[in-house]
Amino acid sequence: MSKQFGKDADSVIAKLKEVSAGTINNADLVQSANKAMALNVTQDLDKMSKLLEIARLRGKAMGLDTTQAF
């Protein structure tokens, strides 16, 4: 995953963890991001971060936790 984003794994996880406000554990972050890339949703870390932020906010409004929403 980190190679596709052009960054090291620690910085990718740190960015996604920050955007998720710590509501998703690292394993779920990696799994969800890998699924999104495999489905060709995005290969860009900034776009992935924005999608995660939207999922966190919309999920909360719909009674879902961030892991479910993302």
PDB file of N, CA and C in Angstrom:
ATOM      1  N   MET A   1       0.821  -1.190   0.000  1.00  0.00           N
ATOM      2  CA  MET A   1       0.000   0.000   0.000  1.00  0.00           C
ATOM      3  C   MET A   1       0.864   1.252   0.000  1.00  0.00           C
ATOM      4  N   SER A   2       1.845   1.289   0.880  1.00  0.00           N
ATOM      5  CA  SER A   2       2.652   2.501   0.990  1.00  0.00           C
ATOM      6  C   SER A   2       3.417   2.786  -0.293  1.00  0.00           C
ATOM      7  N   LYS A   3       3.846   1.751  -1.005  1.00  0.00           N
ATOM      8  CA  LYS A   3       4.554   1.955  -2.270  1.00  0.00           C
ATOM      9  C   LYS A   3       3.640   2.618  -3.290  1.00  0.00           C
ATOM     10  N   GLN A   4       2.364   2.236  -3.301  1.00  0.00           N
ATOM     11  CA  GLN A   4       1.429   2.843  -4.248  1.00  0.00           C
ATOM     12  C   GLN A   4       1.213   4.322  -3.933  1.00  0.00           C
ATOM     13  N   PHE A   5       1.293   4.674  -2.651  1.00  0.00           N
ATOM     14  CA  PHE A   5       1.148   6.074  -2.268  1.00  0.00           C
ATOM     15  C   PHE A   5       2.463   6.833  -2.402  1.00  0.00           C
ATOM     16  N   GLY A   6       3.562   6.106  -2.622  1.00  0.00           N
ATOM     17  CA  GLY A   6       4.867   6.742  -2.752  1.00  0.00           C
ATOM     18  C   GLY A   6       5.423   7.246  -1.431  1.00  0.00           C
ATOM     19  N   LYS A   7       5.022   6.618  -0.330  1.00  0.00           N
ATOM     20  CA  LYS A   7       5.475   7.025   0.993  1.00  0.00           C
ATOM     21  C   LYS A   7       5.817   5.778   1.791  1.00  0.00           C
ATOM     22  N   ASP A   8       6.473   5.964   2.951  1.00  0.00           N
ATOM     23  CA  ASP A   8       6.755   4.812   3.793  1.00  0.00           C
ATOM     24  C   ASP A   8       5.500   4.434   4.588  1.00  0.00           C
ATOM     25  N   ALA A   9       5.427   3.181   4.993  1.00  0.00           N
ATOM     26  CA  ALA A   9       4.227   2.646   5.649  1.00  0.00           C
ATOM     27  C   ALA A   9       3.864   3.417   6.911  1.00  0.00           C
ATOM     28  N   ASP A  10       4.859   3.784   7.704  1.00  0.00           N
ATOM     29  CA  ASP A  10       4.578   4.496   8.953  1.00  0.00           C
ATOM     30  C   ASP A  10       3.897   5.838   8.706  1.00  0.00           C
ATOM     31  N   SER A  11       4.332   6.567   7.698  1.00  0.00           N
ATOM     32  CA  SER A  11       3.729   7.874   7.430  1.00  0.00           C
ATOM     33  C   SER A  11       2.321   7.727   6.856  1.00  0.00           C
ATOM     34  N   VAL A  12       2.083   6.683   6.063  1.00  0.00           N
ATOM     35  CA  VAL A  12       0.736   6.445   5.523  1.00  0.00           C
ATOM     36  C   VAL A  12      -0.226   6.114   6.656  1.00  0.00           C
ATOM     37  N   ILE A  13       0.168   5.199   7.525  1.00  0.00           N
ATOM     38  CA  ILE A  13      -0.694   4.818   8.642  1.00  0.00           C
ATOM     39  C   ILE A  13      -0.910   6.008   9.576  1.00  0.00           C
ATOM     40  N   ALA A  14       0.132   6.776   9.826  1.00  0.00           N
ATOM     41  CA  ALA A  14       0.002   7.953  10.694  1.00  0.00           C
ATOM     42  C   ALA A  14      -0.997   8.949  10.128  1.00  0.00           C
ATOM     43  N   LYS A  15      -0.933   9.189   8.821  1.00  0.00           N
ATOM     44  CA  LYS A  15      -1.861  10.129   8.172  1.00  0.00           C
ATOM     45  C   LYS A  15      -3.296   9.629   8.280  1.00  0.00           C
ATOM     46  N   LEU A  16      -3.513   8.357   7.945  1.00  0.00           N
ATOM     47  CA  LEU A  16      -4.870   7.801   8.003  1.00  0.00           C
ATOM     48  C   LEU A  16      -5.380   7.740   9.444  1.00  0.00           C
ATOM     49  N   LYS A  17      -4.505   7.424  10.383  1.00  0.00           N
ATOM     50  CA  LYS A  17      -4.877   7.377  11.799  1.00  0.00           C
ATOM     51  C   LYS A  17      -5.297   8.768  12.274  1.00  0.00           C
ATOM     52  N   GLU A  18      -4.563   9.793  11.832  1.00  0.00           N
ATOM     53  CA  GLU A  18      -4.891  11.173  12.193  1.00  0.00           C
ATOM     54  C   GLU A  18      -6.265  11.558  11.650  1.00  0.00           C
ATOM     55  N   VAL A  19      -6.510  11.253  10.394  1.00  0.00           N
ATOM     56  CA  VAL A  19      -7.784  11.615   9.770  1.00  0.00           C
ATOM     57  C   VAL A  19      -8.944  10.849  10.397  1.00  0.00           C
ATOM     58  N   SER A  20      -8.689   9.611  10.820  1.00  0.00           N
ATOM     59  CA  SER A  20      -9.753   8.823  11.440  1.00  0.00           C
ATOM     60  C   SER A  20      -9.985   9.232  12.888  1.00  0.00           C
ATOM     61  N   ALA A  21      -9.194  10.166  13.369  1.00  0.00           N
ATOM     62  CA  ALA A  21      -9.268  10.632  14.762  1.00  0.00           C
ATOM     63  C   ALA A  21      -9.049   9.470  15.730  1.00  0.00           C
ATOM     64  N   GLY A  22      -8.221   8.505  15.295  1.00  0.00           N
ATOM     65  CA  GLY A  22      -7.896   7.384  16.148  1.00  0.00           C
ATOM     66  C   GLY A  22      -9.018   6.386  16.343  1.00  0.00           C
ATOM     67  N   THR A  23     -10.041   6.442  15.503  1.00  0.00           N
ATOM     68  CA  THR A  23     -11.210   5.584  15.680  1.00  0.00           C
ATOM     69  C   THR A  23     -11.111   4.251  14.953  1.00  0.00           C
ATOM     70  N   ILE A  24     -10.055   4.045  14.163  1.00  0.00           N
ATOM     71  CA  ILE A  24      -9.860   2.785  13.448  1.00  0.00           C
ATOM     72  C   ILE A  24      -8.483   2.251  13.812  1.00  0.00           C
ATOM     73  N   ASN A  25      -8.410   0.966  14.139  1.00  0.00           N
ATOM     74  CA  ASN A  25      -7.098   0.400  14.460  1.00  0.00           C
ATOM     75  C   ASN A  25      -6.272   0.245  13.184  1.00  0.00           C
ATOM     76  N   ASN A  26      -4.982   0.098  13.352  1.00  0.00           N
ATOM     77  CA  ASN A  26      -4.067   0.069  12.207  1.00  0.00           C
ATOM     78  C   ASN A  26      -4.383  -1.050  11.227  1.00  0.00           C
ATOM     79  N   ALA A  27      -4.700  -2.227  11.716  1.00  0.00           N
ATOM     80  CA  ALA A  27      -4.992  -3.357  10.825  1.00  0.00           C
ATOM     81  C   ALA A  27      -6.203  -3.052   9.952  1.00  0.00           C
ATOM     82  N   ASP A  28      -7.251  -2.476  10.525  1.00  0.00           N
ATOM     83  CA  ASP A  28      -8.447  -2.140   9.748  1.00  0.00           C
ATOM     84  C   ASP A  28      -8.169  -1.004   8.765  1.00  0.00           C
ATOM     85  N   LEU A  29      -7.324  -0.057   9.166  1.00  0.00           N
ATOM     86  CA  LEU A  29      -6.947   1.022   8.248  1.00  0.00           C
ATOM     87  C   LEU A  29      -6.243   0.469   7.019  1.00  0.00           C
ATOM     88  N   VAL A  30      -5.277  -0.406   7.247  1.00  0.00           N
ATOM     89  CA  VAL A  30      -4.524  -0.988   6.139  1.00  0.00           C
ATOM     90  C   VAL A  30      -5.442  -1.826   5.254  1.00  0.00           C
ATOM     91  N   GLN A  31      -6.275  -2.648   5.880  1.00  0.00           N
ATOM     92  CA  GLN A  31      -7.186  -3.501   5.109  1.00  0.00           C
ATOM     93  C   GLN A  31      -8.150  -2.667   4.270  1.00  0.00           C
ATOM     94  N   SER A  32      -8.751  -1.656   4.847  1.00  0.00           N
ATOM     95  CA  SER A  32      -9.711  -0.827   4.112  1.00  0.00           C
ATOM     96  C   SER A  32      -9.047  -0.038   2.987  1.00  0.00           C
ATOM     97  N   ALA A  33      -7.879   0.511   3.271  1.00  0.00           N
ATOM     98  CA  ALA A  33      -7.162   1.267   2.240  1.00  0.00           C
ATOM     99  C   ALA A  33      -6.745   0.344   1.092  1.00  0.00           C
ATOM    100  N   ASN A  34      -6.292  -0.856   1.417  1.00  0.00           N
ATOM    101  CA  ASN A  34      -5.923  -1.815   0.372  1.00  0.00           C
ATOM    102  C   ASN A  34      -7.129  -2.205  -0.480  1.00  0.00           C
ATOM    103  N   LYS A  35      -8.277  -2.405   0.154  1.00  0.00           N
ATOM    104  CA  LYS A  35      -9.494  -2.729  -0.598  1.00  0.00           C
ATOM    105  C   LYS A  35      -9.866  -1.585  -1.535  1.00  0.00           C
ATOM    106  N   ALA A  36      -9.789  -0.364  -1.033  1.00  0.00           N
ATOM    107  CA  ALA A  36     -10.134   0.795  -1.861  1.00  0.00           C
ATOM    108  C   ALA A  36      -9.201   0.901  -3.062  1.00  0.00           C
ATOM    109  N   MET A  37      -7.917   0.635  -2.853  1.00  0.00           N
ATOM    110  CA  MET A  37      -6.974   0.697  -3.967  1.00  0.00           C
ATOM    111  C   MET A  37      -7.197  -0.458  -4.937  1.00  0.00           C
ATOM    112  N   ALA A  38      -7.510  -1.644  -4.411  1.00  0.00           N
ATOM    113  CA  ALA A  38      -7.767  -2.796  -5.277  1.00  0.00           C
ATOM    114  C   ALA A  38      -9.006  -2.571  -6.141  1.00  0.00           C
ATOM    115  N   LEU A  39      -9.971  -1.830  -5.600  1.00  0.00           N
ATOM    116  CA  LEU A  39     -11.185  -1.506  -6.348  1.00  0.00           C
ATOM    117  C   LEU A  39     -11.004  -0.271  -7.222  1.00  0.00           C
ATOM    118  N   ASN A  40      -9.776   0.237  -7.240  1.00  0.00           N
ATOM    119  CA  ASN A  40      -9.416   1.399  -8.060  1.00  0.00           C
ATOM    120  C   ASN A  40     -10.187   2.660  -7.666  1.00  0.00           C
ATOM    121  N   VAL A  41     -10.480   2.784  -6.380  1.00  0.00           N
ATOM    122  CA  VAL A  41     -11.147   3.987  -5.880  1.00  0.00           C
ATOM    123  C   VAL A  41     -10.198   5.170  -5.976  1.00  0.00           C
ATOM    124  N   THR A  42      -8.979   5.002  -5.461  1.00  0.00           N
ATOM    125  CA  THR A  42      -7.946   6.032  -5.582  1.00  0.00           C
ATOM    126  C   THR A  42      -6.583   5.430  -5.265  1.00  0.00           C
ATOM    127  N   GLN A  43      -5.563   6.011  -5.826  1.00  0.00           N
ATOM    128  CA  GLN A  43      -4.179   5.638  -5.550  1.00  0.00           C
ATOM    129  C   GLN A  43      -3.462   6.812  -4.893  1.00  0.00           C
ATOM    130  N   ASP A  44      -4.201   7.829  -4.470  1.00  0.00           N
ATOM    131  CA  ASP A  44      -3.659   9.078  -3.934  1.00  0.00           C
ATOM    132  C   ASP A  44      -3.953   9.173  -2.442  1.00  0.00           C
ATOM    133  N   LEU A  45      -2.925   9.377  -1.631  1.00  0.00           N
ATOM    134  CA  LEU A  45      -3.095   9.431  -0.179  1.00  0.00           C
ATOM    135  C   LEU A  45      -3.992  10.587   0.247  1.00  0.00           C
ATOM    136  N   ASP A  46      -3.875  11.740  -0.377  1.00  0.00           N
ATOM    137  CA  ASP A  46      -4.724  12.878  -0.009  1.00  0.00           C
ATOM    138  C   ASP A  46      -6.197  12.582  -0.291  1.00  0.00           C
ATOM    139  N   LYS A  47      -6.467  11.962  -1.430  1.00  0.00           N
ATOM    140  CA  LYS A  47      -7.858  11.607  -1.753  1.00  0.00           C
ATOM    141  C   LYS A  47      -8.378  10.539  -0.805  1.00  0.00           C
ATOM    142  N   MET A  48      -7.526   9.555  -0.488  1.00  0.00           N
ATOM    143  CA  MET A  48      -7.923   8.505   0.454  1.00  0.00           C
ATOM    144  C   MET A  48      -8.223   9.115   1.814  1.00  0.00           C
ATOM    145  N   SER A  49      -7.409  10.069   2.227  1.00  0.00           N
ATOM    146  CA  SER A  49      -7.618  10.746   3.506  1.00  0.00           C
ATOM    147  C   SER A  49      -8.947  11.498   3.513  1.00  0.00           C
ATOM    148  N   LYS A  50      -9.252  12.159   2.418  1.00  0.00           N
ATOM    149  CA  LYS A  50     -10.516  12.897   2.319  1.00  0.00           C
ATOM    150  C   LYS A  50     -11.703  11.932   2.380  1.00  0.00           C
ATOM    151  N   LEU A  51     -11.596  10.795   1.690  1.00  0.00           N
ATOM    152  CA  LEU A  51     -12.661   9.793   1.737  1.00  0.00           C
ATOM    153  C   LEU A  51     -12.856   9.257   3.150  1.00  0.00           C
ATOM    154  N   LEU A  52     -11.764   9.056   3.853  1.00  0.00           N
ATOM    155  CA  LEU A  52     -11.837   8.580   5.232  1.00  0.00           C
ATOM    156  C   LEU A  52     -12.488   9.622   6.128  1.00  0.00           C
ATOM    157  N   GLU A  53     -12.145  10.869   5.929  1.00  0.00           N
ATOM    158  CA  GLU A  53     -12.744  11.950   6.720  1.00  0.00           C
ATOM    159  C   GLU A  53     -14.256  12.008   6.484  1.00  0.00           C
ATOM    160  N   ILE A  54     -14.665  11.911   5.235  1.00  0.00           N
ATOM    161  CA  ILE A  54     -16.090  11.914   4.894  1.00  0.00           C
ATOM    162  C   ILE A  54     -16.779  10.708   5.529  1.00  0.00           C
ATOM    163  N   ALA A  55     -16.158   9.545   5.444  1.00  0.00           N
ATOM    164  CA  ALA A  55     -16.741   8.339   6.035  1.00  0.00           C
ATOM    165  C   ALA A  55     -16.917   8.498   7.543  1.00  0.00           C
ATOM    166  N   ARG A  56     -15.915   9.095   8.194  1.00  0.00           N
ATOM    167  CA  ARG A  56     -16.000   9.299   9.647  1.00  0.00           C
ATOM    168  C   ARG A  56     -17.164  10.216  10.009  1.00  0.00           C
ATOM    169  N   LEU A  57     -17.283  11.318   9.289  1.00  0.00           N
ATOM    170  CA  LEU A  57     -18.330  12.290   9.601  1.00  0.00           C
ATOM    171  C   LEU A  57     -19.718  11.776   9.228  1.00  0.00           C
ATOM    172  N   ARG A  58     -19.846  11.199   8.054  1.00  0.00           N
ATOM    173  CA  ARG A  58     -21.159  10.686   7.607  1.00  0.00           C
ATOM    174  C   ARG A  58     -21.569   9.455   8.390  1.00  0.00           C
ATOM    175  N   GLY A  59     -20.583   8.613   8.703  1.00  0.00           N
ATOM    176  CA  GLY A  59     -20.876   7.426   9.497  1.00  0.00           C
ATOM    177  C   GLY A  59     -21.426   7.798  10.860  1.00  0.00           C
ATOM    178  N   LYS A  60     -20.815   8.788  11.477  1.00  0.00           N
ATOM    179  CA  LYS A  60     -21.287   9.250  12.783  1.00  0.00           C
ATOM    180  C   LYS A  60     -22.735   9.724  12.696  1.00  0.00           C
ATOM    181  N   ALA A  61     -23.056  10.455  11.637  1.00  0.00           N
ATOM    182  CA  ALA A  61     -24.414  10.965  11.457  1.00  0.00           C
ATOM    183  C   ALA A  61     -25.420   9.835  11.234  1.00  0.00           C
ATOM    184  N   MET A  62     -24.922   8.713  10.690  1.00  0.00           N
ATOM    185  CA  MET A  62     -25.815   7.588  10.389  1.00  0.00           C
ATOM    186  C   MET A  62     -25.752   6.483  11.441  1.00  0.00           C
ATOM    187  N   GLY A  63     -25.019   6.735  12.525  1.00  0.00           N
ATOM    188  CA  GLY A  63     -24.932   5.748  13.593  1.00  0.00           C
ATOM    189  C   GLY A  63     -23.976   4.611  13.325  1.00  0.00           C
ATOM    190  N   LEU A  64     -23.025   4.806  12.404  1.00  0.00           N
ATOM    191  CA  LEU A  64     -22.027   3.791  12.086  1.00  0.00           C
ATOM    192  C   LEU A  64     -20.694   4.214  12.692  1.00  0.00           C
ATOM    193  N   ASP A  65     -19.897   3.230  13.071  1.00  0.00           N
ATOM    194  CA  ASP A  65     -18.555   3.617  13.488  1.00  0.00           C
ATOM    195  C   ASP A  65     -17.705   3.850  12.239  1.00  0.00           C
ATOM    196  N   THR A  66     -16.566   4.458  12.431  1.00  0.00           N
ATOM    197  CA  THR A  66     -15.728   4.852  11.291  1.00  0.00           C
ATOM    198  C   THR A  66     -15.257   3.643  10.490  1.00  0.00           C
ATOM    199  N   THR A  67     -14.968   2.544  11.159  1.00  0.00           N
ATOM    200  CA  THR A  67     -14.535   1.333  10.454  1.00  0.00           C
ATOM    201  C   THR A  67     -15.614   0.853   9.499  1.00  0.00           C
ATOM    202  N   GLN A  68     -16.851   0.809   9.964  1.00  0.00           N
ATOM    203  CA  GLN A  68     -17.962   0.382   9.101  1.00  0.00           C
ATOM    204  C   GLN A  68     -18.156   1.339   7.935  1.00  0.00           C
ATOM    205  N   ALA A  69     -18.105   2.631   8.218  1.00  0.00           N
ATOM    206  CA  ALA A  69     -18.353   3.632   7.183  1.00  0.00           C
ATOM    207  C   ALA A  69     -17.254   3.654   6.130  1.00  0.00           C
ATOM    208  N   PHE A  70     -16.003   3.449   6.552  1.00  0.00           N
ATOM    209  CA  PHE A  70     -14.894   3.495   5.623  1.00  0.00           C
ATOM    210  C   PHE A  70     -14.811   2.220   4.822  1.00  0.00           C
TER     211      PHE A  70
END
